[in-house]
Amino acid sequence: MNMFFRLTALAGLLAIAGQTFAVEDITRADQIPVLKEETQHATVSERVTSRFTRSHYRQFDLDQAFSAKIFDRYLNLLDYSHNVLLASDVEQFAKKKTELGDELRSGKLDVFYDLYNLA
């Protein structure tokens, strides 16, 4: 009985000592970097879009319907459970939903970065 008490006390002391040295690294909102478009991103976007529209095994048109699919998939990627973005945020970006194909062709990725930073 005495040995059991000693082992329990020792285990308790070790647990308390371990918790005192544990440091919690919690990331605050002001520590998260804001992503922004860099110069090479426009060139990469133009080249990848051109390559996919010309050389993909399944031919497709980067029209308004396909742009809407891109928007919906990107939105689901960012907020799959629909618990991060507000409906007003989604409505704000949904106005440009059909223009994303043109923006990818021209290398303007502002909508994608703005939506990512909002999420």
PDB file of N, CA and C in Angstrom:
ATOM      1  N   MET A   1       0.818  -1.186   0.000  1.00  0.00           N
ATOM      2  CA  MET A   1       0.000   0.000   0.000  1.00  0.00           C
ATOM      3  C   MET A   1       0.863   1.251   0.000  1.00  0.00           C
ATOM      4  N   ASN A   2       1.909   1.214   0.815  1.00  0.00           N
ATOM      5  CA  ASN A   2       2.806   2.347   0.901  1.00  0.00           C
ATOM      6  C   ASN A   2       3.524   2.571  -0.433  1.00  0.00           C
ATOM      7  N   MET A   3       3.910   1.494  -1.107  1.00  0.00           N
ATOM      8  CA  MET A   3       4.584   1.592  -2.408  1.00  0.00           C
ATOM      9  C   MET A   3       3.633   2.160  -3.460  1.00  0.00           C
ATOM     10  N   PHE A   4       2.365   1.740  -3.413  1.00  0.00           N
ATOM     11  CA  PHE A   4       1.360   2.246  -4.354  1.00  0.00           C
ATOM     12  C   PHE A   4       1.180   3.756  -4.179  1.00  0.00           C
ATOM     13  N   PHE A   5       1.140   4.216  -2.944  1.00  0.00           N
ATOM     14  CA  PHE A   5       0.996   5.642  -2.667  1.00  0.00           C
ATOM     15  C   PHE A   5       2.188   6.425  -3.200  1.00  0.00           C
ATOM     16  N   ARG A   6       3.377   5.908  -3.005  1.00  0.00           N
ATOM     17  CA  ARG A   6       4.584   6.583  -3.493  1.00  0.00           C
ATOM     18  C   ARG A   6       4.587   6.690  -5.022  1.00  0.00           C
ATOM     19  N   LEU A   7       4.230   5.595  -5.692  1.00  0.00           N
ATOM     20  CA  LEU A   7       4.197   5.616  -7.157  1.00  0.00           C
ATOM     21  C   LEU A   7       3.133   6.581  -7.684  1.00  0.00           C
ATOM     22  N   THR A   8       1.987   6.623  -7.027  1.00  0.00           N
ATOM     23  CA  THR A   8       0.923   7.535  -7.436  1.00  0.00           C
ATOM     24  C   THR A   8       1.353   8.982  -7.229  1.00  0.00           C
ATOM     25  N   ALA A   9       1.977   9.270  -6.114  1.00  0.00           N
ATOM     26  CA  ALA A   9       2.446  10.624  -5.833  1.00  0.00           C
ATOM     27  C   ALA A   9       3.532  11.028  -6.829  1.00  0.00           C
ATOM     28  N   LEU A  10       4.427  10.122  -7.132  1.00  0.00           N
ATOM     29  CA  LEU A  10       5.488  10.408  -8.094  1.00  0.00           C
ATOM     30  C   LEU A  10       4.911  10.660  -9.488  1.00  0.00           C
ATOM     31  N   ALA A  11       3.949   9.850  -9.892  1.00  0.00           N
ATOM     32  CA  ALA A  11       3.315  10.042 -11.201  1.00  0.00           C
ATOM     33  C   ALA A  11       2.578  11.373 -11.249  1.00  0.00           C
ATOM     34  N   GLY A  12       1.911  11.730 -10.169  1.00  0.00           N
ATOM     35  CA  GLY A  12       1.210  13.017 -10.109  1.00  0.00           C
ATOM     36  C   GLY A  12       2.171  14.190 -10.193  1.00  0.00           C
ATOM     37  N   LEU A  13       3.280  14.111  -9.480  1.00  0.00           N
ATOM     38  CA  LEU A  13       4.279  15.182  -9.524  1.00  0.00           C
ATOM     39  C   LEU A  13       4.899  15.315 -10.916  1.00  0.00           C
ATOM     40  N   LEU A  14       5.167  14.190 -11.556  1.00  0.00           N
ATOM     41  CA  LEU A  14       5.720  14.242 -12.908  1.00  0.00           C
ATOM     42  C   LEU A  14       4.722  14.851 -13.893  1.00  0.00           C
ATOM     43  N   ALA A  15       3.460  14.525 -13.732  1.00  0.00           N
ATOM     44  CA  ALA A  15       2.435  15.086 -14.617  1.00  0.00           C
ATOM     45  C   ALA A  15       2.322  16.591 -14.425  1.00  0.00           C
ATOM     46  N   ILE A  16       2.341  17.036 -13.184  1.00  0.00           N
ATOM     47  CA  ILE A  16       2.260  18.478 -12.908  1.00  0.00           C
ATOM     48  C   ILE A  16       3.508  19.184 -13.415  1.00  0.00           C
ATOM     49  N   ALA A  17       4.673  18.583 -13.206  1.00  0.00           N
ATOM     50  CA  ALA A  17       5.917  19.191 -13.675  1.00  0.00           C
ATOM     51  C   ALA A  17       5.935  19.281 -15.199  1.00  0.00           C
ATOM     52  N   GLY A  18       5.426  18.272 -15.868  1.00  0.00           N
ATOM     53  CA  GLY A  18       5.386  18.298 -17.331  1.00  0.00           C
ATOM     54  C   GLY A  18       4.461  19.374 -17.862  1.00  0.00           C
ATOM     55  N   GLN A  19       3.372  19.619 -17.169  1.00  0.00           N
ATOM     56  CA  GLN A  19       2.430  20.640 -17.625  1.00  0.00           C
ATOM     57  C   GLN A  19       2.949  22.045 -17.393  1.00  0.00           C
ATOM     58  N   THR A  20       3.800  22.225 -16.399  1.00  0.00           N
ATOM     59  CA  THR A  20       4.318  23.567 -16.147  1.00  0.00           C
ATOM     60  C   THR A  20       5.296  23.996 -17.232  1.00  0.00           C
ATOM     61  N   PHE A  21       5.976  23.048 -17.845  1.00  0.00           N
ATOM     62  CA  PHE A  21       6.928  23.384 -18.891  1.00  0.00           C
ATOM     63  C   PHE A  21       6.311  23.372 -20.283  1.00  0.00           C
ATOM     64  N   ALA A  22       5.097  22.917 -20.401  1.00  0.00           N
ATOM     65  CA  ALA A  22       4.424  22.885 -21.707  1.00  0.00           C
ATOM     66  C   ALA A  22       4.047  24.306 -22.116  1.00  0.00           C
ATOM     67  N   VAL A  23       4.349  24.632 -23.347  1.00  0.00           N
ATOM     68  CA  VAL A  23       4.044  25.959 -23.871  1.00  0.00           C
ATOM     69  C   VAL A  23       3.025  25.801 -24.991  1.00  0.00           C
ATOM     70  N   GLU A  24       1.966  26.571 -24.907  1.00  0.00           N
ATOM     71  CA  GLU A  24       0.953  26.519 -25.949  1.00  0.00           C
ATOM     72  C   GLU A  24       1.259  27.594 -26.984  1.00  0.00           C
ATOM     73  N   ASP A  25       1.441  27.168 -28.219  1.00  0.00           N
ATOM     74  CA  ASP A  25       1.646  28.111 -29.303  1.00  0.00           C
ATOM     75  C   ASP A  25       0.315  28.332 -29.999  1.00  0.00           C
ATOM     76  N   ILE A  26      -0.350  29.379 -29.620  1.00  0.00           N
ATOM     77  CA  ILE A  26      -1.631  29.714 -30.222  1.00  0.00           C
ATOM     78  C   ILE A  26      -1.392  30.851 -31.206  1.00  0.00           C
ATOM     79  N   THR A  27      -1.823  30.640 -32.433  1.00  0.00           N
ATOM     80  CA  THR A  27      -1.657  31.659 -33.458  1.00  0.00           C
ATOM     81  C   THR A  27      -2.789  32.669 -33.337  1.00  0.00           C
ATOM     82  N   ARG A  28      -2.412  33.921 -33.185  1.00  0.00           N
ATOM     83  CA  ARG A  28      -3.406  34.991 -33.115  1.00  0.00           C
ATOM     84  C   ARG A  28      -3.743  35.457 -34.524  1.00  0.00           C
ATOM     85  N   ALA A  29      -4.856  36.128 -34.657  1.00  0.00           N
ATOM     86  CA  ALA A  29      -5.328  36.584 -35.969  1.00  0.00           C
ATOM     87  C   ALA A  29      -4.348  37.568 -36.597  1.00  0.00           C
ATOM     88  N   ASP A  30      -3.670  38.363 -35.784  1.00  0.00           N
ATOM     89  CA  ASP A  30      -2.735  39.339 -36.350  1.00  0.00           C
ATOM     90  C   ASP A  30      -1.420  38.698 -36.794  1.00  0.00           C
ATOM     91  N   GLN A  31      -1.192  37.430 -36.449  1.00  0.00           N
ATOM     92  CA  GLN A  31       0.019  36.731 -36.872  1.00  0.00           C
ATOM     93  C   GLN A  31      -0.143  36.028 -38.213  1.00  0.00           C
ATOM     94  N   ILE A  32      -1.368  35.890 -38.685  1.00  0.00           N
ATOM     95  CA  ILE A  32      -1.616  35.204 -39.946  1.00  0.00           C
ATOM     96  C   ILE A  32      -1.270  36.149 -41.090  1.00  0.00           C
ATOM     97  N   PRO A  33      -0.410  35.741 -42.006  1.00  0.00           N
ATOM     98  CA  PRO A  33      -0.032  36.644 -43.101  1.00  0.00           C
ATOM     99  C   PRO A  33      -1.181  36.830 -44.087  1.00  0.00           C
ATOM    100  N   VAL A  34      -1.250  38.018 -44.646  1.00  0.00           N
ATOM    101  CA  VAL A  34      -2.239  38.315 -45.681  1.00  0.00           C
ATOM    102  C   VAL A  34      -1.601  37.985 -47.019  1.00  0.00           C
ATOM    103  N   LEU A  35      -2.201  37.061 -47.742  1.00  0.00           N
ATOM    104  CA  LEU A  35      -1.649  36.667 -49.033  1.00  0.00           C
ATOM    105  C   LEU A  35      -1.985  37.714 -50.075  1.00  0.00           C
ATOM    106  N   LYS A  36      -1.051  37.952 -50.954  1.00  0.00           N
ATOM    107  CA  LYS A  36      -1.282  38.900 -52.042  1.00  0.00           C
ATOM    108  C   LYS A  36      -0.615  38.370 -53.300  1.00  0.00           C
ATOM    109  N   GLU A  37      -1.092  38.866 -54.405  1.00  0.00           N
ATOM    110  CA  GLU A  37      -0.583  38.408 -55.692  1.00  0.00           C
ATOM    111  C   GLU A  37       0.832  38.934 -55.920  1.00  0.00           C
ATOM    112  N   GLU A  38       1.689  38.046 -56.369  1.00  0.00           N
ATOM    113  CA  GLU A  38       3.050  38.431 -56.723  1.00  0.00           C
ATOM    114  C   GLU A  38       3.164  38.488 -58.240  1.00  0.00           C
ATOM    115  N   THR A  39       4.237  39.044 -58.733  1.00  0.00           N
ATOM    116  CA  THR A  39       4.366  39.286 -60.170  1.00  0.00           C
ATOM    117  C   THR A  39       4.359  37.997 -60.982  1.00  0.00           C
ATOM    118  N   GLN A  40       4.962  36.954 -60.483  1.00  0.00           N
ATOM    119  CA  GLN A  40       5.029  35.711 -61.248  1.00  0.00           C
ATOM    120  C   GLN A  40       3.687  34.990 -61.298  1.00  0.00           C
ATOM    121  N   HIS A  41       2.783  35.282 -60.391  1.00  0.00           N
ATOM    122  CA  HIS A  41       1.496  34.592 -60.374  1.00  0.00           C
ATOM    123  C   HIS A  41       0.658  34.910 -61.604  1.00  0.00           C
ATOM    124  N   ALA A  42       0.719  36.131 -62.085  1.00  0.00           N
ATOM    125  CA  ALA A  42      -0.044  36.494 -63.284  1.00  0.00           C
ATOM    126  C   ALA A  42       0.460  35.706 -64.490  1.00  0.00           C
ATOM    127  N   THR A  43       1.768  35.616 -64.634  1.00  0.00           N
ATOM    128  CA  THR A  43       2.348  34.872 -65.751  1.00  0.00           C
ATOM    129  C   THR A  43       2.000  33.391 -65.661  1.00  0.00           C
ATOM    130  N   VAL A  44       2.092  32.840 -64.478  1.00  0.00           N
ATOM    131  CA  VAL A  44       1.769  31.424 -64.291  1.00  0.00           C
ATOM    132  C   VAL A  44       0.299  31.168 -64.596  1.00  0.00           C
ATOM    133  N   SER A  45      -0.560  32.044 -64.150  1.00  0.00           N
ATOM    134  CA  SER A  45      -1.992  31.886 -64.407  1.00  0.00           C
ATOM    135  C   SER A  45      -2.295  31.911 -65.898  1.00  0.00           C
ATOM    136  N   GLU A  46      -1.684  32.838 -66.612  1.00  0.00           N
ATOM    137  CA  GLU A  46      -1.893  32.924 -68.063  1.00  0.00           C
ATOM    138  C   GLU A  46      -1.408  31.658 -68.763  1.00  0.00           C
ATOM    139  N   ARG A  47      -0.235  31.187 -68.390  1.00  0.00           N
ATOM    140  CA  ARG A  47       0.338  30.008 -69.046  1.00  0.00           C
ATOM    141  C   ARG A  47      -0.448  28.735 -68.735  1.00  0.00           C
ATOM    142  N   VAL A  48      -0.811  28.552 -67.488  1.00  0.00           N
ATOM    143  CA  VAL A  48      -1.548  27.344 -67.111  1.00  0.00           C
ATOM    144  C   VAL A  48      -2.928  27.342 -67.750  1.00  0.00           C
ATOM    145  N   THR A  49      -3.591  28.481 -67.755  1.00  0.00           N
ATOM    146  CA  THR A  49      -4.911  28.566 -68.383  1.00  0.00           C
ATOM    147  C   THR A  49      -4.817  28.279 -69.869  1.00  0.00           C
ATOM    148  N   SER A  50      -3.824  28.836 -70.518  1.00  0.00           N
ATOM    149  CA  SER A  50      -3.637  28.597 -71.946  1.00  0.00           C
ATOM    150  C   SER A  50      -3.355  27.123 -72.219  1.00  0.00           C
ATOM    151  N   ARG A  51      -2.512  26.525 -71.403  1.00  0.00           N
ATOM    152  CA  ARG A  51      -2.153  25.119 -71.588  1.00  0.00           C
ATOM    153  C   ARG A  51      -3.363  24.209 -71.381  1.00  0.00           C
ATOM    154  N   PHE A  52      -4.139  24.464 -70.342  1.00  0.00           N
ATOM    155  CA  PHE A  52      -5.308  23.618 -70.080  1.00  0.00           C
ATOM    156  C   PHE A  52      -6.371  23.752 -71.154  1.00  0.00           C
ATOM    157  N   THR A  53      -6.604  24.958 -71.625  1.00  0.00           N
ATOM    158  CA  THR A  53      -7.659  25.123 -72.630  1.00  0.00           C
ATOM    159  C   THR A  53      -7.244  24.556 -73.980  1.00  0.00           C
ATOM    160  N   ARG A  54      -5.953  24.463 -74.251  1.00  0.00           N
ATOM    161  CA  ARG A  54      -5.500  23.923 -75.537  1.00  0.00           C
ATOM    162  C   ARG A  54      -5.158  22.443 -75.486  1.00  0.00           C
ATOM    163  N   SER A  55      -4.575  21.972 -74.386  1.00  0.00           N
ATOM    164  CA  SER A  55      -3.961  20.645 -74.386  1.00  0.00           C
ATOM    165  C   SER A  55      -4.570  19.650 -73.412  1.00  0.00           C
ATOM    166  N   HIS A  56      -5.640  19.969 -72.759  1.00  0.00           N
ATOM    167  CA  HIS A  56      -6.229  19.035 -71.804  1.00  0.00           C
ATOM    168  C   HIS A  56      -6.861  17.870 -72.552  1.00  0.00           C
ATOM    169  N   TYR A  57      -6.844  16.690 -71.948  1.00  0.00           N
ATOM    170  CA  TYR A  57      -7.379  15.503 -72.638  1.00  0.00           C
ATOM    171  C   TYR A  57      -8.874  15.626 -72.900  1.00  0.00           C
ATOM    172  N   ARG A  58      -9.570  16.414 -72.103  1.00  0.00           N
ATOM    173  CA  ARG A  58     -10.988  16.660 -72.339  1.00  0.00           C
ATOM    174  C   ARG A  58     -11.145  18.135 -72.695  1.00  0.00           C
ATOM    175  N   GLN A  59     -11.532  18.400 -73.900  1.00  0.00           N
ATOM    176  CA  GLN A  59     -11.663  19.782 -74.359  1.00  0.00           C
ATOM    177  C   GLN A  59     -12.805  20.480 -73.616  1.00  0.00           C
ATOM    178  N   PHE A  60     -12.565  21.717 -73.228  1.00  0.00           N
ATOM    179  CA  PHE A  60     -13.595  22.498 -72.542  1.00  0.00           C
ATOM    180  C   PHE A  60     -13.416  23.963 -72.909  1.00  0.00           C
ATOM    181  N   ASP A  61     -14.497  24.700 -72.762  1.00  0.00           N
ATOM    182  CA  ASP A  61     -14.467  26.141 -72.981  1.00  0.00           C
ATOM    183  C   ASP A  61     -14.479  26.828 -71.627  1.00  0.00           C
ATOM    184  N   LEU A  62     -13.639  27.815 -71.504  1.00  0.00           N
ATOM    185  CA  LEU A  62     -13.576  28.577 -70.257  1.00  0.00           C
ATOM    186  C   LEU A  62     -14.614  29.695 -70.335  1.00  0.00           C
ATOM    187  N   ASP A  63     -15.875  29.295 -70.332  1.00  0.00           N
ATOM    188  CA  ASP A  63     -16.969  30.245 -70.486  1.00  0.00           C
ATOM    189  C   ASP A  63     -17.576  30.568 -69.120  1.00  0.00           C
ATOM    190  N   GLN A  64     -18.738  31.211 -69.137  1.00  0.00           N
ATOM    191  CA  GLN A  64     -19.364  31.630 -67.887  1.00  0.00           C
ATOM    192  C   GLN A  64     -19.803  30.446 -67.033  1.00  0.00           C
ATOM    193  N   ALA A  65     -20.303  29.395 -67.667  1.00  0.00           N
ATOM    194  CA  ALA A  65     -20.740  28.220 -66.901  1.00  0.00           C
ATOM    195  C   ALA A  65     -19.555  27.533 -66.224  1.00  0.00           C
ATOM    196  N   PHE A  66     -18.449  27.409 -66.953  1.00  0.00           N
ATOM    197  CA  PHE A  66     -17.263  26.782 -66.367  1.00  0.00           C
ATOM    198  C   PHE A  66     -16.673  27.675 -65.277  1.00  0.00           C
ATOM    199  N   SER A  67     -16.736  28.991 -65.477  1.00  0.00           N
ATOM    200  CA  SER A  67     -16.269  29.925 -64.450  1.00  0.00           C
ATOM    201  C   SER A  67     -17.083  29.782 -63.175  1.00  0.00           C
ATOM    202  N   ALA A  68     -18.385  29.573 -63.319  1.00  0.00           N
ATOM    203  CA  ALA A  68     -19.238  29.375 -62.145  1.00  0.00           C
ATOM    204  C   ALA A  68     -18.856  28.094 -61.410  1.00  0.00           C
ATOM    205  N   LYS A  69     -18.498  27.048 -62.151  1.00  0.00           N
ATOM    206  CA  LYS A  69     -18.052  25.804 -61.513  1.00  0.00           C
ATOM    207  C   LYS A  69     -16.742  26.019 -60.755  1.00  0.00           C
ATOM    208  N   ILE A  70     -15.843  26.793 -61.350  1.00  0.00           N
ATOM    209  CA  ILE A  70     -14.573  27.101 -60.679  1.00  0.00           C
ATOM    210  C   ILE A  70     -14.844  27.818 -59.365  1.00  0.00           C
ATOM    211  N   PHE A  71     -15.742  28.794 -59.413  1.00  0.00           N
ATOM    212  CA  PHE A  71     -16.075  29.556 -58.209  1.00  0.00           C
ATOM    213  C   PHE A  71     -16.661  28.644 -57.132  1.00  0.00           C
ATOM    214  N   ASP A  72     -17.604  27.800 -57.510  1.00  0.00           N
ATOM    215  CA  ASP A  72     -18.243  26.912 -56.534  1.00  0.00           C
ATOM    216  C   ASP A  72     -17.239  25.944 -55.918  1.00  0.00           C
ATOM    217  N   ARG A  73     -16.347  25.401 -56.720  1.00  0.00           N
ATOM    218  CA  ARG A  73     -15.349  24.461 -56.194  1.00  0.00           C
ATOM    219  C   ARG A  73     -14.336  25.166 -55.296  1.00  0.00           C
ATOM    220  N   TYR A  74     -13.935  26.374 -55.681  1.00  0.00           N
ATOM    221  CA  TYR A  74     -12.992  27.137 -54.860  1.00  0.00           C
ATOM    222  C   TYR A  74     -13.639  27.509 -53.531  1.00  0.00           C
ATOM    223  N   LEU A  75     -14.905  27.880 -53.585  1.00  0.00           N
ATOM    224  CA  LEU A  75     -15.621  28.225 -52.363  1.00  0.00           C
ATOM    225  C   LEU A  75     -15.756  27.010 -51.448  1.00  0.00           C
ATOM    226  N   ASN A  76     -16.048  25.848 -52.000  1.00  0.00           N
ATOM    227  CA  ASN A  76     -16.126  24.627 -51.195  1.00  0.00           C
ATOM    228  C   ASN A  76     -14.764  24.231 -50.646  1.00  0.00           C
ATOM    229  N   LEU A  77     -13.709  24.521 -51.389  1.00  0.00           N
ATOM    230  CA  LEU A  77     -12.364  24.236 -50.906  1.00  0.00           C
ATOM    231  C   LEU A  77     -12.034  25.094 -49.684  1.00  0.00           C
ATOM    232  N   LEU A  78     -12.420  26.365 -49.735  1.00  0.00           N
ATOM    233  CA  LEU A  78     -12.118  27.271 -48.632  1.00  0.00           C
ATOM    234  C   LEU A  78     -13.034  27.069 -47.431  1.00  0.00           C
ATOM    235  N   ASP A  79     -14.302  26.801 -47.684  1.00  0.00           N
ATOM    236  CA  ASP A  79     -15.291  26.739 -46.607  1.00  0.00           C
ATOM    237  C   ASP A  79     -16.214  25.552 -46.837  1.00  0.00           C
ATOM    238  N   TYR A  80     -15.675  24.363 -46.658  1.00  0.00           N
ATOM    239  CA  TYR A  80     -16.410  23.138 -46.970  1.00  0.00           C
ATOM    240  C   TYR A  80     -17.655  22.974 -46.103  1.00  0.00           C
ATOM    241  N   SER A  81     -17.542  23.280 -44.835  1.00  0.00           N
ATOM    242  CA  SER A  81     -18.667  23.096 -43.916  1.00  0.00           C
ATOM    243  C   SER A  81     -19.600  24.302 -43.878  1.00  0.00           C
ATOM    244  N   HIS A  82     -19.275  25.329 -44.622  1.00  0.00           N
ATOM    245  CA  HIS A  82     -20.076  26.560 -44.671  1.00  0.00           C
ATOM    246  C   HIS A  82     -20.242  27.169 -43.277  1.00  0.00           C
ATOM    247  N   ASN A  83     -19.149  27.222 -42.545  1.00  0.00           N
ATOM    248  CA  ASN A  83     -19.211  27.810 -41.214  1.00  0.00           C
ATOM    249  C   ASN A  83     -18.185  28.930 -41.018  1.00  0.00           C
ATOM    250  N   VAL A  84     -17.484  29.314 -42.076  1.00  0.00           N
ATOM    251  CA  VAL A  84     -16.484  30.366 -41.957  1.00  0.00           C
ATOM    252  C   VAL A  84     -16.971  31.651 -42.616  1.00  0.00           C
ATOM    253  N   LEU A  85     -17.406  31.553 -43.842  1.00  0.00           N
ATOM    254  CA  LEU A  85     -17.844  32.731 -44.588  1.00  0.00           C
ATOM    255  C   LEU A  85     -19.326  33.003 -44.346  1.00  0.00           C
ATOM    256  N   LEU A  86     -19.673  34.276 -44.320  1.00  0.00           N
ATOM    257  CA  LEU A  86     -21.070  34.670 -44.191  1.00  0.00           C
ATOM    258  C   LEU A  86     -21.740  34.643 -45.556  1.00  0.00           C
ATOM    259  N   ALA A  87     -23.049  34.558 -45.555  1.00  0.00           N
ATOM    260  CA  ALA A  87     -23.797  34.570 -46.819  1.00  0.00           C
ATOM    261  C   ALA A  87     -23.583  35.887 -47.550  1.00  0.00           C
ATOM    262  N   SER A  88     -23.454  36.977 -46.812  1.00  0.00           N
ATOM    263  CA  SER A  88     -23.211  38.277 -47.449  1.00  0.00           C
ATOM    264  C   SER A  88     -21.837  38.311 -48.118  1.00  0.00           C
ATOM    265  N   ASP A  89     -20.853  37.631 -47.531  1.00  0.00           N
ATOM    266  CA  ASP A  89     -19.524  37.553 -48.148  1.00  0.00           C
ATOM    267  C   ASP A  89     -19.587  36.785 -49.460  1.00  0.00           C
ATOM    268  N   VAL A  90     -20.299  35.676 -49.448  1.00  0.00           N
ATOM    269  CA  VAL A  90     -20.419  34.856 -50.654  1.00  0.00           C
ATOM    270  C   VAL A  90     -21.162  35.625 -51.744  1.00  0.00           C
ATOM    271  N   GLU A  91     -22.220  36.344 -51.369  1.00  0.00           N
ATOM    272  CA  GLU A  91     -22.979  37.134 -52.343  1.00  0.00           C
ATOM    273  C   GLU A  91     -22.122  38.233 -52.953  1.00  0.00           C
ATOM    274  N   GLN A  92     -21.265  38.815 -52.147  1.00  0.00           N
ATOM    275  CA  GLN A  92     -20.379  39.875 -52.633  1.00  0.00           C
ATOM    276  C   GLN A  92     -19.463  39.356 -53.745  1.00  0.00           C
ATOM    277  N   PHE A  93     -18.928  38.165 -53.574  1.00  0.00           N
ATOM    278  CA  PHE A  93     -18.024  37.602 -54.570  1.00  0.00           C
ATOM    279  C   PHE A  93     -18.761  36.870 -55.680  1.00  0.00           C
ATOM    280  N   ALA A  94     -19.994  36.482 -55.437  1.00  0.00           N
ATOM    281  CA  ALA A  94     -20.764  35.760 -56.457  1.00  0.00           C
ATOM    282  C   ALA A  94     -21.069  36.641 -57.658  1.00  0.00           C
ATOM    283  N   LYS A  95     -20.971  37.939 -57.504  1.00  0.00           N
ATOM    284  CA  LYS A  95     -21.197  38.853 -58.633  1.00  0.00           C
ATOM    285  C   LYS A  95     -20.154  38.641 -59.723  1.00  0.00           C
ATOM    286  N   LYS A  96     -18.951  38.257 -59.338  1.00  0.00           N
ATOM    287  CA  LYS A  96     -17.870  38.036 -60.303  1.00  0.00           C
ATOM    288  C   LYS A  96     -17.723  36.568 -60.676  1.00  0.00           C
ATOM    289  N   LYS A  97     -18.679  35.768 -60.297  1.00  0.00           N
ATOM    290  CA  LYS A  97     -18.635  34.325 -60.498  1.00  0.00           C
ATOM    291  C   LYS A  97     -18.443  33.936 -61.956  1.00  0.00           C
ATOM    292  N   THR A  98     -19.092  34.628 -62.865  1.00  0.00           N
ATOM    293  CA  THR A  98     -19.031  34.261 -64.280  1.00  0.00           C
ATOM    294  C   THR A  98     -17.849  34.892 -65.002  1.00  0.00           C
ATOM    295  N   GLU A  99     -17.094  35.736 -64.329  1.00  0.00           N
ATOM    296  CA  GLU A  99     -15.960  36.423 -64.954  1.00  0.00           C
ATOM    297  C   GLU A  99     -14.615  35.793 -64.605  1.00  0.00           C
ATOM    298  N   LEU A 100     -14.621  34.736 -63.820  1.00  0.00           N
ATOM    299  CA  LEU A 100     -13.358  34.164 -63.344  1.00  0.00           C
ATOM    300  C   LEU A 100     -12.506  33.597 -64.466  1.00  0.00           C
ATOM    301  N   GLY A 101     -13.122  33.051 -65.493  1.00  0.00           N
ATOM    302  CA  GLY A 101     -12.358  32.526 -66.622  1.00  0.00           C
ATOM    303  C   GLY A 101     -11.553  33.610 -67.313  1.00  0.00           C
ATOM    304  N   ASP A 102     -12.180  34.769 -67.516  1.00  0.00           N
ATOM    305  CA  ASP A 102     -11.466  35.890 -68.132  1.00  0.00           C
ATOM    306  C   ASP A 102     -10.343  36.386 -67.236  1.00  0.00           C
ATOM    307  N   GLU A 103     -10.581  36.382 -65.934  1.00  0.00           N
ATOM    308  CA  GLU A 103      -9.537  36.834 -65.015  1.00  0.00           C
ATOM    309  C   GLU A 103      -8.365  35.853 -64.969  1.00  0.00           C
ATOM    310  N   LEU A 104      -8.651  34.565 -65.076  1.00  0.00           N
ATOM    311  CA  LEU A 104      -7.563  33.587 -65.128  1.00  0.00           C
ATOM    312  C   LEU A 104      -6.743  33.749 -66.402  1.00  0.00           C
ATOM    313  N   ARG A 105      -7.426  33.991 -67.523  1.00  0.00           N
ATOM    314  CA  ARG A 105      -6.705  34.192 -68.790  1.00  0.00           C
ATOM    315  C   ARG A 105      -5.814  35.424 -68.746  1.00  0.00           C
ATOM    316  N   SER A 106      -6.300  36.486 -68.116  1.00  0.00           N
ATOM    317  CA  SER A 106      -5.533  37.732 -68.085  1.00  0.00           C
ATOM    318  C   SER A 106      -4.541  37.785 -66.930  1.00  0.00           C
ATOM    319  N   GLY A 107      -4.620  36.835 -66.005  1.00  0.00           N
ATOM    320  CA  GLY A 107      -3.671  36.805 -64.895  1.00  0.00           C
ATOM    321  C   GLY A 107      -4.082  37.649 -63.713  1.00  0.00           C
ATOM    322  N   LYS A 108      -5.310  38.110 -63.681  1.00  0.00           N
ATOM    323  CA  LYS A 108      -5.796  38.895 -62.542  1.00  0.00           C
ATOM    324  C   LYS A 108      -6.393  37.936 -61.522  1.00  0.00           C
ATOM    325  N   LEU A 109      -5.726  37.780 -60.424  1.00  0.00           N
ATOM    326  CA  LEU A 109      -6.144  36.808 -59.416  1.00  0.00           C
ATOM    327  C   LEU A 109      -6.662  37.474 -58.148  1.00  0.00           C
ATOM    328  N   ASP A 110      -7.061  38.727 -58.252  1.00  0.00           N
ATOM    329  CA  ASP A 110      -7.495  39.479 -57.077  1.00  0.00           C
ATOM    330  C   ASP A 110      -8.685  38.834 -56.375  1.00  0.00           C
ATOM    331  N   VAL A 111      -9.649  38.351 -57.136  1.00  0.00           N
ATOM    332  CA  VAL A 111     -10.846  37.748 -56.534  1.00  0.00           C
ATOM    333  C   VAL A 111     -10.462  36.527 -55.708  1.00  0.00           C
ATOM    334  N   PHE A 112      -9.583  35.710 -56.231  1.00  0.00           N
ATOM    335  CA  PHE A 112      -9.171  34.506 -55.516  1.00  0.00           C
ATOM    336  C   PHE A 112      -8.433  34.853 -54.220  1.00  0.00           C
ATOM    337  N   TYR A 113      -7.522  35.812 -54.280  1.00  0.00           N
ATOM    338  CA  TYR A 113      -6.781  36.203 -53.087  1.00  0.00           C
ATOM    339  C   TYR A 113      -7.684  36.887 -52.071  1.00  0.00           C
ATOM    340  N   ASP A 114      -8.595  37.744 -52.527  1.00  0.00           N
ATOM    341  CA  ASP A 114      -9.503  38.424 -51.602  1.00  0.00           C
ATOM    342  C   ASP A 114     -10.403  37.431 -50.884  1.00  0.00           C
ATOM    343  N   LEU A 115     -10.910  36.465 -51.611  1.00  0.00           N
ATOM    344  CA  LEU A 115     -11.773  35.454 -51.004  1.00  0.00           C
ATOM    345  C   LEU A 115     -10.984  34.578 -50.031  1.00  0.00           C
ATOM    346  N   TYR A 116      -9.754  34.236 -50.383  1.00  0.00           N
ATOM    347  CA  TYR A 116      -8.916  33.430 -49.489  1.00  0.00           C
ATOM    348  C   TYR A 116      -8.613  34.192 -48.201  1.00  0.00           C
ATOM    349  N   ASN A 117      -8.259  35.464 -48.333  1.00  0.00           N
ATOM    350  CA  ASN A 117      -7.934  36.254 -47.147  1.00  0.00           C
ATOM    351  C   ASN A 117      -9.155  36.490 -46.270  1.00  0.00           C
ATOM    352  N   LEU A 118     -10.331  36.521 -46.871  1.00  0.00           N
ATOM    353  CA  LEU A 118     -11.552  36.679 -46.093  1.00  0.00           C
ATOM    354  C   LEU A 118     -11.866  35.420 -45.298  1.00  0.00           C
ATOM    355  N   ALA A 119     -11.544  34.272 -45.891  1.00  0.00           N
ATOM    356  CA  ALA A 119     -11.811  33.003 -45.197  1.00  0.00           C
ATOM    357  C   ALA A 119     -10.794  32.829 -44.093  1.00  0.00           C
TER     358      ALA A 119
END
